[in-house]
C-alpha atoms as a PDB file:
ATOM      1  CA  MET A   1      -7.851  22.857 -19.920  1.00  0.00           C
ATOM      2  CA  ASN A   2     -10.641  22.162 -17.406  1.00  0.00           C
ATOM      3  CA  ASP A   3     -10.656  18.448 -18.155  1.00  0.00           C
ATOM      4  CA  PRO A   4     -10.860  16.493 -14.856  1.00  0.00           C
ATOM      5  CA  THR A   5      -8.759  13.669 -16.304  1.00  0.00           C
ATOM      6  CA  ILE A   6      -5.808  15.984 -16.908  1.00  0.00           C
ATOM      7  CA  ALA A   7      -6.153  17.426 -13.402  1.00  0.00           C
ATOM      8  CA  ALA A   8      -6.268  13.925 -11.875  1.00  0.00           C
ATOM      9  CA  LEU A   9      -3.222  12.842 -13.910  1.00  0.00           C
ATOM     10  CA  PHE A  10      -1.335  15.960 -12.801  1.00  0.00           C
ATOM     11  CA  ILE A  11      -2.119  15.232  -9.133  1.00  0.00           C
ATOM     12  CA  PHE A  12      -1.071  11.596  -9.594  1.00  0.00           C
ATOM     13  CA  VAL A  13       2.296  12.588 -11.091  1.00  0.00           C
ATOM     14  CA  LEU A  14       2.962  15.131  -8.338  1.00  0.00           C
ATOM     15  CA  ALA A  15       2.018  12.606  -5.633  1.00  0.00           C
ATOM     16  CA  SER A  16       4.313  10.014  -7.238  1.00  0.00           C
ATOM     17  CA  PHE A  17       7.277  12.379  -7.197  1.00  0.00           C
ATOM     18  CA  ALA A  18       6.563  13.501  -3.638  1.00  0.00           C
ATOM     19  CA  GLY A  19       6.192   9.895  -2.428  1.00  0.00           C
ATOM     20  CA  PHE A  20       9.417   8.862  -4.121  1.00  0.00           C
ATOM     21  CA  GLU A  21      11.324  11.712  -2.479  1.00  0.00           C
ATOM     22  CA  VAL A  22       9.877  10.977   0.964  1.00  0.00           C
ATOM     23  CA  ILE A  23      10.671   7.247   0.778  1.00  0.00           C
ATOM     24  CA  ASN A  24      14.217   7.909  -0.450  1.00  0.00           C
ATOM     25  CA  LYS A  25      14.918  10.054   2.620  1.00  0.00           C
ATOM     26  CA  VAL A  26      13.915   7.333   5.115  1.00  0.00           C
ATOM     27  CA  PRO A  27      16.907   5.510   6.627  1.00  0.00           C
ATOM     28  CA  PRO A  28      16.887   1.706   6.234  1.00  0.00           C
ATOM     29  CA  THR A  29      16.542   1.184  10.004  1.00  0.00           C
ATOM     30  CA  LEU A  30      13.203   2.994  10.000  1.00  0.00           C
ATOM     31  CA  HIS A  31      11.812   1.559   6.776  1.00  0.00           C
ATOM     32  CA  THR A  32      10.371  -1.677   8.216  1.00  0.00           C
ATOM     33  CA  PRO A  33       8.552  -0.046  11.174  1.00  0.00           C
ATOM     34  CA  LEU A  34       7.088   2.552   8.819  1.00  0.00           C
ATOM     35  CA  MET A  35       5.994  -0.195   6.454  1.00  0.00           C
ATOM     36  CA  SER A  36       4.270  -1.900   9.351  1.00  0.00           C
ATOM     37  CA  GLY A  37       2.292   1.246  10.079  1.00  0.00           C
ATOM     38  CA  ALA A  38       1.395   1.667   6.415  1.00  0.00           C
ATOM     39  CA  ASN A  39      -0.484  -1.652   6.460  1.00  0.00           C
ATOM     40  CA  ALA A  40      -3.479   0.104   8.015  1.00  0.00           C
ATOM     41  CA  ILE A  41      -3.547   2.576   5.133  1.00  0.00           C
ATOM     42  CA  SER A  42      -3.384  -0.257   2.606  1.00  0.00           C
ATOM     43  CA  GLY A  43      -6.221  -1.982   4.426  1.00  0.00           C
ATOM     44  CA  ILE A  44      -8.331   1.137   3.934  1.00  0.00           C
ATOM     45  CA  ALA A  45      -7.359   1.101   0.247  1.00  0.00           C
ATOM     46  CA  VAL A  46      -8.616  -2.493  -0.006  1.00  0.00           C
ATOM     47  CA  LEU A  47     -11.987  -1.484   1.455  1.00  0.00           C
ATOM     48  CA  GLY A  48     -12.265   1.489  -0.893  1.00  0.00           C
ATOM     49  CA  ALA A  49     -11.391  -0.673  -3.888  1.00  0.00           C
ATOM     50  CA  ILE A  50     -14.049  -3.210  -2.880  1.00  0.00           C
ATOM     51  CA  VAL A  51     -16.632  -0.430  -2.826  1.00  0.00           C
ATOM     52  CA  ILE A  52     -15.497   0.797  -6.254  1.00  0.00           C
ATOM     53  CA  ALA A  53     -15.379  -2.693  -7.788  1.00  0.00           C
ATOM     54  CA  GLY A  54     -18.818  -3.610  -6.416  1.00  0.00           C
ATOM     55  CA  ASP A  55     -20.675  -1.992  -9.314  1.00  0.00           C
ATOM     56  CA  ARG A  56     -23.291  -4.247 -10.927  1.00  0.00           C
ATOM     57  CA  GLU A  57     -22.520  -3.367 -14.521  1.00  0.00           C
ATOM     58  CA  PRO A  58     -19.052  -4.060 -15.963  1.00  0.00           C
ATOM     59  CA  SER A  59     -17.068  -0.904 -16.620  1.00  0.00           C
ATOM     60  CA  ILE A  60     -13.506   0.377 -16.586  1.00  0.00           C
ATOM     61  CA  THR A  61     -14.083   1.499 -12.994  1.00  0.00           C
ATOM     62  CA  MET A  62     -14.922  -2.046 -11.941  1.00  0.00           C
ATOM     63  CA  ILE A  63     -11.803  -3.417 -13.681  1.00  0.00           C
ATOM     64  CA  LEU A  64      -9.557  -0.804 -12.064  1.00  0.00           C
ATOM     65  CA  GLY A  65     -11.192  -1.499  -8.697  1.00  0.00           C
ATOM     66  CA  ALA A  66     -10.463  -5.216  -9.044  1.00  0.00           C
ATOM     67  CA  ILE A  67      -6.833  -4.490  -9.917  1.00  0.00           C
ATOM     68  CA  ALA A  68      -6.624  -2.169  -6.890  1.00  0.00           C
ATOM     69  CA  ILE A  69      -7.997  -4.923  -4.645  1.00  0.00           C
ATOM     70  CA  VAL A  70      -5.307  -7.356  -5.805  1.00  0.00           C
ATOM     71  CA  LEU A  71      -2.428  -4.884  -5.510  1.00  0.00           C
ATOM     72  CA  ALA A  72      -3.465  -3.482  -2.123  1.00  0.00           C
ATOM     73  CA  THR A  73      -3.988  -7.001  -0.747  1.00  0.00           C
ATOM     74  CA  ILE A  74      -0.499  -8.010  -1.897  1.00  0.00           C
ATOM     75  CA  ASN A  75       0.843  -4.906  -0.151  1.00  0.00           C
ATOM     76  CA  VAL A  76      -0.966  -5.705   3.106  1.00  0.00           C
ATOM     77  CA  VAL A  77       0.106  -9.371   3.181  1.00  0.00           C
ATOM     78  CA  GLY A  78       3.700  -8.538   2.259  1.00  0.00           C
ATOM     79  CA  GLY A  79       3.833  -5.841   4.925  1.00  0.00           C
ATOM     80  CA  PHE A  80       2.620  -8.222   7.602  1.00  0.00           C
ATOM     81  CA  LEU A  81       5.129 -10.885   6.524  1.00  0.00           C
ATOM     82  CA  VAL A  82       8.022  -8.420   6.652  1.00  0.00           C
ATOM     83  CA  THR A  83       6.864  -7.083  10.034  1.00  0.00           C
ATOM     84  CA  ASP A  84       6.578 -10.602  11.436  1.00  0.00           C
ATOM     85  CA  ARG A  85      10.069 -11.429  10.184  1.00  0.00           C
ATOM     86  CA  MET A  86      11.429  -8.257  11.756  1.00  0.00           C
ATOM     87  CA  LEU A  87       9.794  -9.064  15.101  1.00  0.00           C
ATOM     88  CA  GLN A  88      11.243 -12.600  15.001  1.00  0.00           C
ATOM     89  CA  MET A  89      14.713 -11.035  14.918  1.00  0.00           C
ATOM     90  CA  PHE A  90      14.134  -9.415  18.305  1.00  0.00           C
ATOM     91  CA  LYS A  91      12.871 -12.500  20.138  1.00  0.00           C
ATOM     92  CA  LYS A  92      15.227 -14.156  22.601  1.00  0.00           C
ATOM     93  CA  LYS A  93      16.586 -17.445  21.423  1.00  0.00           C
ATOM     94  CA  GLU A  94      15.859 -20.413  23.646  1.00  0.00           C
ATOM     95  CA  VAL A  95      18.870 -22.252  25.023  1.00  0.00           C
ATOM     96  CA  LYS A  96      18.557 -26.015  24.643  1.00  0.00           C
ATOM     97  CA  ALA A  97      20.101 -27.978  27.503  1.00  0.00           C
END
């Protein structure tokens, strides 16, 4: 029962349930600003994944790191696009004469 893989899987499952519950409780009006703030966290995840994937010899860790780079980058880009779209909604429209 002292296997680190089982402990890591247990923590992952608990974190998934906790994250799901927290996100479900956020009202839709606050979701986009919170997503904007989460881009910094995803940026840190990209840097961590680059460090993990930078191993010289191919291994499962390098493959998982590469997958993490792709997924975290998609999250960062998507978050910035949604934030930009949200900010465009609040700009004053120019009146053409």
